[in-house]
Amino acid sequence: MTIRVRRVAAACALGAALTACGAPSAPHASRPAPSAPTAAASSRPPTLAPGPAGLTPVFKNGPRVDGKTVALTFDADMTADQGPRAAAGEHFDNPQLIATLRALKVPATVFMTGRWADEYPAEARDIGRDPQFEIANHSYSHYAFTGDCYGLPTVSRDRMKADVERAYTAFKKAGVPNAMPYFRFPGGCYDRQALKTLSAVGVTAVQWDVVSGDAFATDSDAVAQQVLEGVKPGSVVVMHCTRSAAPATEKAVRMIVPELRKKGYRFVKVSELIGAADRHR
């Protein structure tokens, strides 16, 4: 999901460079977890129950009364037509950001497009096998699931389910052993029909309640301030990890993490917040 925000929501450019993360480090032991959201219920990560009429449930933040927890999420966006830009040398990754998260011991959830996993399978595998992180689904090609979504091209209704499943196939092909049953709509745009269509996939749709404003930003201080002012207990923060489209993010994270820890916050992955929300139902 690439959005452009400064204090309030703003727009997303159609041709914007769309993100990714992480260069491989030493191998990490994989966790026993499903490769796709169709695994047996006994081994599934926490999900929310379907909404009214069986619609895909939507999660925006965890409980406000369950301690000071916060989830940093990073969208790894890459569209189907950006291969030539990558081949020409544009970097849809940010290994320094992943290294910083590791050094600061900050768990995080990466919402990855399948197209990015196809482009950077070693990085996808490295992040997916590190228990500090979890990989979730951000569609295959970062096409919008509704019309009029920040200028993004749209995926047809009859292709929505296949698009999500194609991303899971790309993760498996890259060697990701535990892709989570969570889905973030490109651009954050969805409607009732999209929720109905994806109900057969069995995912929980994950939105956010804090926009970092890091997409296309060059002022790390402003990004950090926006996050620090917005975070509440149970918050989900949306950020990006692309050297070309979100160059200020890594420095902002280095400011955000110690300040939130001073305030008593504990960093968690989205799965922990969803589990807490399910228990509070």
C-alpha atoms as a PDB file:
ATOM      1  CA  MET A   1       0.000   0.000   0.000  1.00  0.00           C
ATOM      2  CA  THR A   2       1.592   3.269  -1.030  1.00  0.00           C
ATOM      3  CA  ILE A   3      -0.116   6.411   0.169  1.00  0.00           C
ATOM      4  CA  ARG A   4       1.170   9.912   0.398  1.00  0.00           C
ATOM      5  CA  VAL A   5       0.300  11.659   3.625  1.00  0.00           C
ATOM      6  CA  ARG A   6       1.444  14.675   5.562  1.00  0.00           C
ATOM      7  CA  ARG A   7      -0.565  15.148   8.762  1.00  0.00           C
ATOM      8  CA  VAL A   8      -3.770  14.171   7.054  1.00  0.00           C
ATOM      9  CA  ALA A   9      -4.316  11.615   4.278  1.00  0.00           C
ATOM     10  CA  ALA A  10      -3.165  12.611   0.803  1.00  0.00           C
ATOM     11  CA  ALA A  11      -2.876  10.937  -2.550  1.00  0.00           C
ATOM     12  CA  CYS A  12      -0.957   8.066  -4.041  1.00  0.00           C
ATOM     13  CA  ALA A  13       0.723   8.367  -7.437  1.00  0.00           C
ATOM     14  CA  LEU A  14      -0.131   5.775 -10.040  1.00  0.00           C
ATOM     15  CA  GLY A  15       3.420   5.378 -11.209  1.00  0.00           C
ATOM     16  CA  ALA A  16       5.020   5.709  -7.782  1.00  0.00           C
ATOM     17  CA  ALA A  17       7.872   3.477  -6.821  1.00  0.00           C
ATOM     18  CA  LEU A  18       6.393   0.817  -4.616  1.00  0.00           C
ATOM     19  CA  THR A  19       8.300  -0.799  -1.864  1.00  0.00           C
ATOM     20  CA  ALA A  20      10.163  -3.787  -0.563  1.00  0.00           C
ATOM     21  CA  CYS A  21      12.531  -4.796   2.161  1.00  0.00           C
ATOM     22  CA  GLY A  22      15.509  -6.628   3.337  1.00  0.00           C
ATOM     23  CA  ALA A  23      18.662  -8.209   2.103  1.00  0.00           C
ATOM     24  CA  PRO A  24      19.392 -11.738   3.262  1.00  0.00           C
ATOM     25  CA  SER A  25      21.373 -12.316   6.418  1.00  0.00           C
ATOM     26  CA  ALA A  26      22.335 -15.521   8.142  1.00  0.00           C
ATOM     27  CA  PRO A  27      19.614 -18.191   7.884  1.00  0.00           C
ATOM     28  CA  HIS A  28      16.983 -18.226  10.597  1.00  0.00           C
ATOM     29  CA  ALA A  29      15.154 -21.237  11.899  1.00  0.00           C
ATOM     30  CA  SER A  30      11.659 -21.399  10.470  1.00  0.00           C
ATOM     31  CA  ARG A  31       8.589 -21.719  12.645  1.00  0.00           C
ATOM     32  CA  PRO A  32       6.006 -24.438  12.089  1.00  0.00           C
ATOM     33  CA  ALA A  33       3.201 -22.468  10.481  1.00  0.00           C
ATOM     34  CA  PRO A  34       1.015 -22.693   7.402  1.00  0.00           C
ATOM     35  CA  SER A  35       2.269 -21.643   3.998  1.00  0.00           C
ATOM     36  CA  ALA A  36      -1.151 -20.321   3.074  1.00  0.00           C
ATOM     37  CA  PRO A  37      -4.383 -19.477   4.876  1.00  0.00           C
ATOM     38  CA  THR A  38      -5.921 -22.860   4.063  1.00  0.00           C
ATOM     39  CA  ALA A  39      -3.909 -24.771   6.664  1.00  0.00           C
ATOM     40  CA  ALA A  40      -5.570 -26.763   9.390  1.00  0.00           C
ATOM     41  CA  ALA A  41      -7.285 -24.667  12.023  1.00  0.00           C
ATOM     42  CA  SER A  42      -5.150 -26.113  14.809  1.00  0.00           C
ATOM     43  CA  SER A  43      -1.998 -24.568  13.324  1.00  0.00           C
ATOM     44  CA  ARG A  44      -3.482 -21.299  12.107  1.00  0.00           C
ATOM     45  CA  PRO A  45      -2.345 -17.930  13.435  1.00  0.00           C
ATOM     46  CA  PRO A  46      -5.101 -15.891  15.094  1.00  0.00           C
ATOM     47  CA  THR A  47      -7.765 -14.480  12.794  1.00  0.00           C
ATOM     48  CA  LEU A  48     -11.018 -12.647  13.347  1.00  0.00           C
ATOM     49  CA  ALA A  49     -14.367 -14.315  12.786  1.00  0.00           C
ATOM     50  CA  PRO A  50     -16.188 -13.361   9.585  1.00  0.00           C
ATOM     51  CA  GLY A  51     -18.308 -10.254   9.752  1.00  0.00           C
ATOM     52  CA  PRO A  52     -22.037  -9.917   9.037  1.00  0.00           C
ATOM     53  CA  ALA A  53     -23.231 -12.055   6.116  1.00  0.00           C
ATOM     54  CA  GLY A  54     -19.879 -13.859   6.182  1.00  0.00           C
ATOM     55  CA  LEU A  55     -17.907 -10.848   4.966  1.00  0.00           C
ATOM     56  CA  THR A  56     -14.120 -10.802   5.356  1.00  0.00           C
ATOM     57  CA  PRO A  57     -13.410  -9.283   8.800  1.00  0.00           C
ATOM     58  CA  VAL A  58     -11.500  -5.991   8.936  1.00  0.00           C
ATOM     59  CA  PHE A  59      -8.949  -5.258  11.666  1.00  0.00           C
ATOM     60  CA  LYS A  60      -7.724  -1.698  12.311  1.00  0.00           C
ATOM     61  CA  ASN A  61      -6.194  -1.757  15.790  1.00  0.00           C
ATOM     62  CA  GLY A  62      -5.858  -3.899  18.873  1.00  0.00           C
ATOM     63  CA  PRO A  63      -7.540  -3.380  22.244  1.00  0.00           C
ATOM     64  CA  ARG A  64      -6.865  -0.012  23.853  1.00  0.00           C
ATOM     65  CA  VAL A  65      -6.961  -1.513  27.343  1.00  0.00           C
ATOM     66  CA  ASP A  66      -4.596  -4.463  26.941  1.00  0.00           C
ATOM     67  CA  GLY A  67      -1.324  -2.724  27.761  1.00  0.00           C
ATOM     68  CA  LYS A  68       0.841  -0.419  25.677  1.00  0.00           C
ATOM     69  CA  THR A  69       1.423  -2.474  22.554  1.00  0.00           C
ATOM     70  CA  VAL A  70       2.007  -1.171  19.034  1.00  0.00           C
ATOM     71  CA  ALA A  71       2.573  -2.914  15.696  1.00  0.00           C
ATOM     72  CA  LEU A  72       4.831  -1.395  13.059  1.00  0.00           C
ATOM     73  CA  THR A  73       3.854  -2.651   9.612  1.00  0.00           C
ATOM     74  CA  PHE A  74       5.769  -2.151   6.370  1.00  0.00           C
ATOM     75  CA  ASP A  75       4.221  -2.447   2.926  1.00  0.00           C
ATOM     76  CA  ALA A  76       6.432  -4.119   0.329  1.00  0.00           C
ATOM     77  CA  ASP A  77       4.764  -2.861  -2.820  1.00  0.00           C
ATOM     78  CA  MET A  78       5.739  -3.690  -6.361  1.00  0.00           C
ATOM     79  CA  THR A  79       3.442  -3.738  -9.356  1.00  0.00           C
ATOM     80  CA  ALA A  80       3.462  -6.145 -12.254  1.00  0.00           C
ATOM     81  CA  ASP A  81       4.824  -3.533 -14.647  1.00  0.00           C
ATOM     82  CA  GLN A  82       7.787  -2.341 -12.574  1.00  0.00           C
ATOM     83  CA  GLY A  83      10.178  -5.075 -13.633  1.00  0.00           C
ATOM     84  CA  PRO A  84      11.937  -2.833 -16.185  1.00  0.00           C
ATOM     85  CA  ARG A  85      12.548  -0.212 -13.504  1.00  0.00           C
ATOM     86  CA  ALA A  86      14.085  -2.819 -11.224  1.00  0.00           C
ATOM     87  CA  ALA A  87      16.187  -4.111 -14.109  1.00  0.00           C
ATOM     88  CA  ALA A  88      17.376  -0.556 -14.744  1.00  0.00           C
ATOM     89  CA  GLY A  89      18.660  -0.300 -11.194  1.00  0.00           C
ATOM     90  CA  GLU A  90      15.791   1.093  -9.132  1.00  0.00           C
ATOM     91  CA  HIS A  91      15.833  -0.417  -5.655  1.00  0.00           C
ATOM     92  CA  PHE A  92      12.533  -1.769  -4.390  1.00  0.00           C
ATOM     93  CA  ASP A  93      14.182  -2.912  -1.186  1.00  0.00           C
ATOM     94  CA  ASN A  94      15.680  -1.366   1.929  1.00  0.00           C
ATOM     95  CA  PRO A  95      18.173  -3.734   3.564  1.00  0.00           C
ATOM     96  CA  GLN A  96      19.279  -1.044   6.014  1.00  0.00           C
ATOM     97  CA  LEU A  97      15.749  -0.736   7.375  1.00  0.00           C
ATOM     98  CA  ILE A  98      15.508  -4.472   7.985  1.00  0.00           C
ATOM     99  CA  ALA A  99      18.960  -4.428   9.596  1.00  0.00           C
ATOM    100  CA  THR A 100      17.871  -1.571  11.859  1.00  0.00           C
ATOM    101  CA  LEU A 101      14.717  -3.408  12.940  1.00  0.00           C
ATOM    102  CA  ARG A 102      16.846  -6.425  13.747  1.00  0.00           C
ATOM    103  CA  ALA A 103      19.404  -4.369  15.664  1.00  0.00           C
ATOM    104  CA  LEU A 104      16.661  -2.652  17.662  1.00  0.00           C
ATOM    105  CA  LYS A 105      14.901  -6.005  18.215  1.00  0.00           C
ATOM    106  CA  VAL A 106      11.615  -4.669  16.875  1.00  0.00           C
ATOM    107  CA  PRO A 107       9.127  -7.301  15.673  1.00  0.00           C
ATOM    108  CA  ALA A 108       7.288  -6.227  12.538  1.00  0.00           C
ATOM    109  CA  THR A 109       4.768  -7.385   9.960  1.00  0.00           C
ATOM    110  CA  VAL A 110       5.624  -6.989   6.267  1.00  0.00           C
ATOM    111  CA  PHE A 111       2.678  -6.819   3.869  1.00  0.00           C
ATOM    112  CA  MET A 112       4.281  -8.028   0.660  1.00  0.00           C
ATOM    113  CA  THR A 113       3.065  -8.206  -2.899  1.00  0.00           C
ATOM    114  CA  GLY A 114       3.639 -11.448  -4.726  1.00  0.00           C
ATOM    115  CA  ARG A 115       5.292  -9.529  -7.531  1.00  0.00           C
ATOM    116  CA  TRP A 116       7.940  -8.322  -5.094  1.00  0.00           C
ATOM    117  CA  ALA A 117       8.544 -11.861  -3.829  1.00  0.00           C
ATOM    118  CA  ASP A 118       9.087 -12.949  -7.425  1.00  0.00           C
ATOM    119  CA  GLU A 119      11.603 -10.126  -7.928  1.00  0.00           C
ATOM    120  CA  TYR A 120      13.456 -10.621  -4.635  1.00  0.00           C
ATOM    121  CA  PRO A 121      12.976 -14.254  -3.563  1.00  0.00           C
ATOM    122  CA  ALA A 122      16.099 -14.378  -1.380  1.00  0.00           C
ATOM    123  CA  GLU A 123      15.012 -11.303   0.581  1.00  0.00           C
ATOM    124  CA  ALA A 124      11.447 -12.590   0.912  1.00  0.00           C
ATOM    125  CA  ARG A 125      12.744 -15.931   2.177  1.00  0.00           C
ATOM    126  CA  ASP A 126      15.127 -14.284   4.635  1.00  0.00           C
ATOM    127  CA  ILE A 127      12.426 -12.084   6.153  1.00  0.00           C
ATOM    128  CA  GLY A 128       9.883 -14.901   6.181  1.00  0.00           C
ATOM    129  CA  ARG A 129      12.217 -17.288   8.003  1.00  0.00           C
ATOM    130  CA  ASP A 130      13.197 -14.783  10.674  1.00  0.00           C
ATOM    131  CA  PRO A 131      10.902 -15.232  13.716  1.00  0.00           C
ATOM    132  CA  GLN A 132      11.237 -11.517  14.411  1.00  0.00           C
ATOM    133  CA  PHE A 133       9.071 -10.829  11.341  1.00  0.00           C
ATOM    134  CA  GLU A 134       5.942 -12.142   9.700  1.00  0.00           C
ATOM    135  CA  ILE A 135       4.926 -11.844   6.055  1.00  0.00           C
ATOM    136  CA  ALA A 136       1.336 -11.105   5.114  1.00  0.00           C
ATOM    137  CA  ASN A 137      -0.442 -10.691   1.778  1.00  0.00           C
ATOM    138  CA  HIS A 138      -0.688  -7.361  -0.050  1.00  0.00           C
ATOM    139  CA  SER A 139      -2.050  -8.787  -3.338  1.00  0.00           C
ATOM    140  CA  TYR A 140       0.042  -9.969  -6.249  1.00  0.00           C
ATOM    141  CA  SER A 141       0.314  -6.843  -8.399  1.00  0.00           C
ATOM    142  CA  HIS A 142      -0.812  -4.000  -6.094  1.00  0.00           C
ATOM    143  CA  TYR A 143      -3.883  -3.315  -8.224  1.00  0.00           C
ATOM    144  CA  ALA A 144      -6.816  -1.756  -6.392  1.00  0.00           C
ATOM    145  CA  PHE A 145      -9.831  -3.811  -5.331  1.00  0.00           C
ATOM    146  CA  THR A 146     -12.183  -0.856  -5.871  1.00  0.00           C
ATOM    147  CA  GLY A 147     -12.424   1.915  -8.415  1.00  0.00           C
ATOM    148  CA  ASP A 148     -11.081   5.401  -7.765  1.00  0.00           C
ATOM    149  CA  CYS A 149      -8.280   4.313  -5.426  1.00  0.00           C
ATOM    150  CA  TYR A 150      -5.508   6.930  -5.667  1.00  0.00           C
ATOM    151  CA  GLY A 151      -5.188   6.364  -9.396  1.00  0.00           C
ATOM    152  CA  LEU A 152      -4.211   2.692  -9.087  1.00  0.00           C
ATOM    153  CA  PRO A 153      -5.273   0.317 -11.852  1.00  0.00           C
ATOM    154  CA  THR A 154      -7.948  -2.107 -10.696  1.00  0.00           C
ATOM    155  CA  VAL A 155      -8.212  -5.872 -10.581  1.00  0.00           C
ATOM    156  CA  SER A 156     -11.520  -7.171 -11.919  1.00  0.00           C
ATOM    157  CA  ARG A 157     -13.966  -8.637  -9.439  1.00  0.00           C
ATOM    158  CA  ASP A 158     -13.701 -12.101 -10.924  1.00  0.00           C
ATOM    159  CA  ARG A 159      -9.888 -12.014 -10.485  1.00  0.00           C
ATOM    160  CA  MET A 160      -9.690 -10.762  -6.883  1.00  0.00           C
ATOM    161  CA  LYS A 161      -9.573 -14.166  -5.206  1.00  0.00           C
ATOM    162  CA  ALA A 162      -7.053 -15.485  -7.739  1.00  0.00           C
ATOM    163  CA  ASP A 163      -4.859 -12.422  -7.245  1.00  0.00           C
ATOM    164  CA  VAL A 164      -4.602 -13.010  -3.497  1.00  0.00           C
ATOM    165  CA  GLU A 165      -3.970 -16.717  -3.970  1.00  0.00           C
ATOM    166  CA  ARG A 166      -1.304 -15.955  -6.589  1.00  0.00           C
ATOM    167  CA  ALA A 167       0.572 -13.900  -4.007  1.00  0.00           C
ATOM    168  CA  TYR A 168       0.570 -16.830  -1.580  1.00  0.00           C
ATOM    169  CA  THR A 169       1.906 -19.030  -4.385  1.00  0.00           C
ATOM    170  CA  ALA A 170       4.717 -16.530  -4.985  1.00  0.00           C
ATOM    171  CA  PHE A 171       5.631 -16.560  -1.285  1.00  0.00           C
ATOM    172  CA  LYS A 172       5.764 -20.347  -1.272  1.00  0.00           C
ATOM    173  CA  LYS A 173       7.880 -20.372  -4.424  1.00  0.00           C
ATOM    174  CA  ALA A 174      10.323 -17.951  -2.786  1.00  0.00           C
ATOM    175  CA  GLY A 175      10.660 -20.270   0.206  1.00  0.00           C
ATOM    176  CA  VAL A 176       8.565 -18.371   2.745  1.00  0.00           C
ATOM    177  CA  PRO A 177       7.367 -21.071   5.148  1.00  0.00           C
ATOM    178  CA  ASN A 178       4.763 -19.187   7.147  1.00  0.00           C
ATOM    179  CA  ALA A 179       2.899 -16.514   5.204  1.00  0.00           C
ATOM    180  CA  MET A 180       0.126 -15.241   7.440  1.00  0.00           C
ATOM    181  CA  PRO A 181      -3.631 -15.303   6.703  1.00  0.00           C
ATOM    182  CA  TYR A 182      -3.779 -11.496   6.709  1.00  0.00           C
ATOM    183  CA  PHE A 183      -4.456  -9.270   3.717  1.00  0.00           C
ATOM    184  CA  ARG A 184      -3.955  -5.537   3.215  1.00  0.00           C
ATOM    185  CA  PHE A 185      -5.878  -3.956   0.369  1.00  0.00           C
ATOM    186  CA  PRO A 186      -3.700  -1.953  -2.036  1.00  0.00           C
ATOM    187  CA  GLY A 187      -4.222   1.701  -1.231  1.00  0.00           C
ATOM    188  CA  GLY A 188      -6.294   0.589   1.756  1.00  0.00           C
ATOM    189  CA  CYS A 189      -9.331   0.721  -0.542  1.00  0.00           C
ATOM    190  CA  TYR A 190     -12.144  -1.797  -0.206  1.00  0.00           C
ATOM    191  CA  ASP A 191     -15.922  -2.049  -0.350  1.00  0.00           C
ATOM    192  CA  ARG A 192     -18.555  -4.589   0.633  1.00  0.00           C
ATOM    193  CA  GLN A 193     -18.207  -6.468  -2.637  1.00  0.00           C
ATOM    194  CA  ALA A 194     -14.460  -6.877  -2.170  1.00  0.00           C
ATOM    195  CA  LEU A 195     -14.991  -8.154   1.372  1.00  0.00           C
ATOM    196  CA  LYS A 196     -17.598 -10.599   0.096  1.00  0.00           C
ATOM    197  CA  THR A 197     -15.392 -11.822  -2.743  1.00  0.00           C
ATOM    198  CA  LEU A 198     -12.408 -12.492  -0.485  1.00  0.00           C
ATOM    199  CA  SER A 199     -14.422 -14.315   2.172  1.00  0.00           C
ATOM    200  CA  ALA A 200     -13.635 -17.616   0.437  1.00  0.00           C
ATOM    201  CA  VAL A 201      -9.882 -17.060   0.974  1.00  0.00           C
ATOM    202  CA  GLY A 202     -10.235 -17.042   4.765  1.00  0.00           C
ATOM    203  CA  VAL A 203      -8.088 -13.986   5.474  1.00  0.00           C
ATOM    204  CA  THR A 204      -8.474 -11.145   7.942  1.00  0.00           C
ATOM    205  CA  ALA A 205      -8.173  -7.756   6.212  1.00  0.00           C
ATOM    206  CA  VAL A 206      -5.697  -5.548   8.080  1.00  0.00           C
ATOM    207  CA  GLN A 207      -5.912  -1.771   7.911  1.00  0.00           C
ATOM    208  CA  TRP A 208      -4.315   0.676  10.380  1.00  0.00           C
ATOM    209  CA  ASP A 209      -5.087   3.585  12.688  1.00  0.00           C
ATOM    210  CA  VAL A 210      -1.793   5.508  12.342  1.00  0.00           C
ATOM    211  CA  VAL A 211      -0.482   6.750   8.982  1.00  0.00           C
ATOM    212  CA  SER A 212       3.233   7.523   9.127  1.00  0.00           C
ATOM    213  CA  GLY A 213       3.315   9.717   6.036  1.00  0.00           C
ATOM    214  CA  ASP A 214       6.615   8.153   5.000  1.00  0.00           C
ATOM    215  CA  ALA A 215       5.735   7.487   1.357  1.00  0.00           C
ATOM    216  CA  PHE A 216       7.747   9.927  -0.766  1.00  0.00           C
ATOM    217  CA  ALA A 217       8.764  11.827   2.377  1.00  0.00           C
ATOM    218  CA  THR A 218      12.293  13.172   2.786  1.00  0.00           C
ATOM    219  CA  ASP A 219      11.890  14.636   6.281  1.00  0.00           C
ATOM    220  CA  SER A 220      12.514  11.854   8.823  1.00  0.00           C
ATOM    221  CA  ASP A 221      11.752  14.163  11.739  1.00  0.00           C
ATOM    222  CA  ALA A 222       8.271  14.902  10.374  1.00  0.00           C
ATOM    223  CA  VAL A 223       7.560  11.210   9.804  1.00  0.00           C
ATOM    224  CA  ALA A 224       8.673  10.339  13.327  1.00  0.00           C
ATOM    225  CA  GLN A 225       6.635  13.153  14.850  1.00  0.00           C
ATOM    226  CA  GLN A 226       3.510  12.092  12.983  1.00  0.00           C
ATOM    227  CA  VAL A 227       3.831   8.531  14.275  1.00  0.00           C
ATOM    228  CA  LEU A 228       4.638   9.566  17.838  1.00  0.00           C
ATOM    229  CA  GLU A 229       1.637  11.893  17.936  1.00  0.00           C
ATOM    230  CA  GLY A 230      -0.713   9.259  16.539  1.00  0.00           C
ATOM    231  CA  VAL A 231       0.169   6.093  18.438  1.00  0.00           C
ATOM    232  CA  LYS A 232      -2.213   4.811  21.106  1.00  0.00           C
ATOM    233  CA  PRO A 233      -2.259   1.439  22.892  1.00  0.00           C
ATOM    234  CA  GLY A 234      -3.053  -1.232  20.311  1.00  0.00           C
ATOM    235  CA  SER A 235      -2.149   0.932  17.306  1.00  0.00           C
ATOM    236  CA  VAL A 236      -1.221  -0.417  13.885  1.00  0.00           C
ATOM    237  CA  VAL A 237       1.224   1.929  12.106  1.00  0.00           C
ATOM    238  CA  VAL A 238       1.492   1.767   8.321  1.00  0.00           C
ATOM    239  CA  MET A 239       4.948   2.462   6.890  1.00  0.00           C
ATOM    240  CA  HIS A 240       6.953   1.496   3.817  1.00  0.00           C
ATOM    241  CA  CYS A 241      10.345   0.040   3.094  1.00  0.00           C
ATOM    242  CA  THR A 242      11.564   1.212  -0.286  1.00  0.00           C
ATOM    243  CA  ARG A 243      14.782   3.064  -0.834  1.00  0.00           C
ATOM    244  CA  SER A 244      13.382   4.896  -3.849  1.00  0.00           C
ATOM    245  CA  ALA A 245       9.862   5.728  -2.615  1.00  0.00           C
ATOM    246  CA  ALA A 246      10.299   6.017   1.150  1.00  0.00           C
ATOM    247  CA  PRO A 247      13.887   7.158   1.740  1.00  0.00           C
ATOM    248  CA  ALA A 248      13.237   8.700   5.169  1.00  0.00           C
ATOM    249  CA  THR A 249      11.759   5.620   6.836  1.00  0.00           C
ATOM    250  CA  GLU A 250      14.849   3.956   8.271  1.00  0.00           C
ATOM    251  CA  LYS A 251      16.026   7.129  10.012  1.00  0.00           C
ATOM    252  CA  ALA A 252      12.486   7.784  11.265  1.00  0.00           C
ATOM    253  CA  VAL A 253      12.322   4.289  12.775  1.00  0.00           C
ATOM    254  CA  ARG A 254      15.537   4.969  14.665  1.00  0.00           C
ATOM    255  CA  MET A 255      13.792   7.966  16.258  1.00  0.00           C
ATOM    256  CA  ILE A 256      10.384   6.355  16.774  1.00  0.00           C
ATOM    257  CA  VAL A 257      11.469   3.180  18.535  1.00  0.00           C
ATOM    258  CA  PRO A 258      13.377   4.630  21.515  1.00  0.00           C
ATOM    259  CA  GLU A 259      10.753   7.347  22.076  1.00  0.00           C
ATOM    260  CA  LEU A 260       7.883   4.870  22.193  1.00  0.00           C
ATOM    261  CA  ARG A 261       9.863   2.595  24.484  1.00  0.00           C
ATOM    262  CA  LYS A 262      10.436   5.537  26.813  1.00  0.00           C
ATOM    263  CA  LYS A 263       6.667   5.903  26.944  1.00  0.00           C
ATOM    264  CA  GLY A 264       6.308   2.267  27.927  1.00  0.00           C
ATOM    265  CA  TYR A 265       5.277   0.787  24.593  1.00  0.00           C
ATOM    266  CA  ARG A 266       6.091  -2.769  23.570  1.00  0.00           C
ATOM    267  CA  PHE A 267       6.441  -3.608  19.876  1.00  0.00           C
ATOM    268  CA  VAL A 268       4.497  -6.615  18.600  1.00  0.00           C
ATOM    269  CA  LYS A 269       3.507  -8.196  15.309  1.00  0.00           C
ATOM    270  CA  VAL A 270       0.000  -7.843  13.930  1.00  0.00           C
ATOM    271  CA  SER A 271      -0.768 -11.446  14.852  1.00  0.00           C
ATOM    272  CA  GLU A 272      -0.412 -10.608  18.544  1.00  0.00           C
ATOM    273  CA  LEU A 273      -2.806  -7.683  18.283  1.00  0.00           C
ATOM    274  CA  ILE A 274      -5.341  -9.780  16.372  1.00  0.00           C
ATOM    275  CA  GLY A 275      -5.080 -12.503  18.984  1.00  0.00           C
ATOM    276  CA  ALA A 276      -5.707  -9.943  21.731  1.00  0.00           C
ATOM    277  CA  ALA A 277      -8.666  -8.484  19.829  1.00  0.00           C
ATOM    278  CA  ASP A 278     -10.172 -11.942  19.388  1.00  0.00           C
ATOM    279  CA  ARG A 279      -9.895 -12.613  23.125  1.00  0.00           C
ATOM    280  CA  HIS A 280     -11.657  -9.332  23.895  1.00  0.00           C
ATOM    281  CA  ARG A 281     -14.647 -10.133  21.665  1.00  0.00           C
END
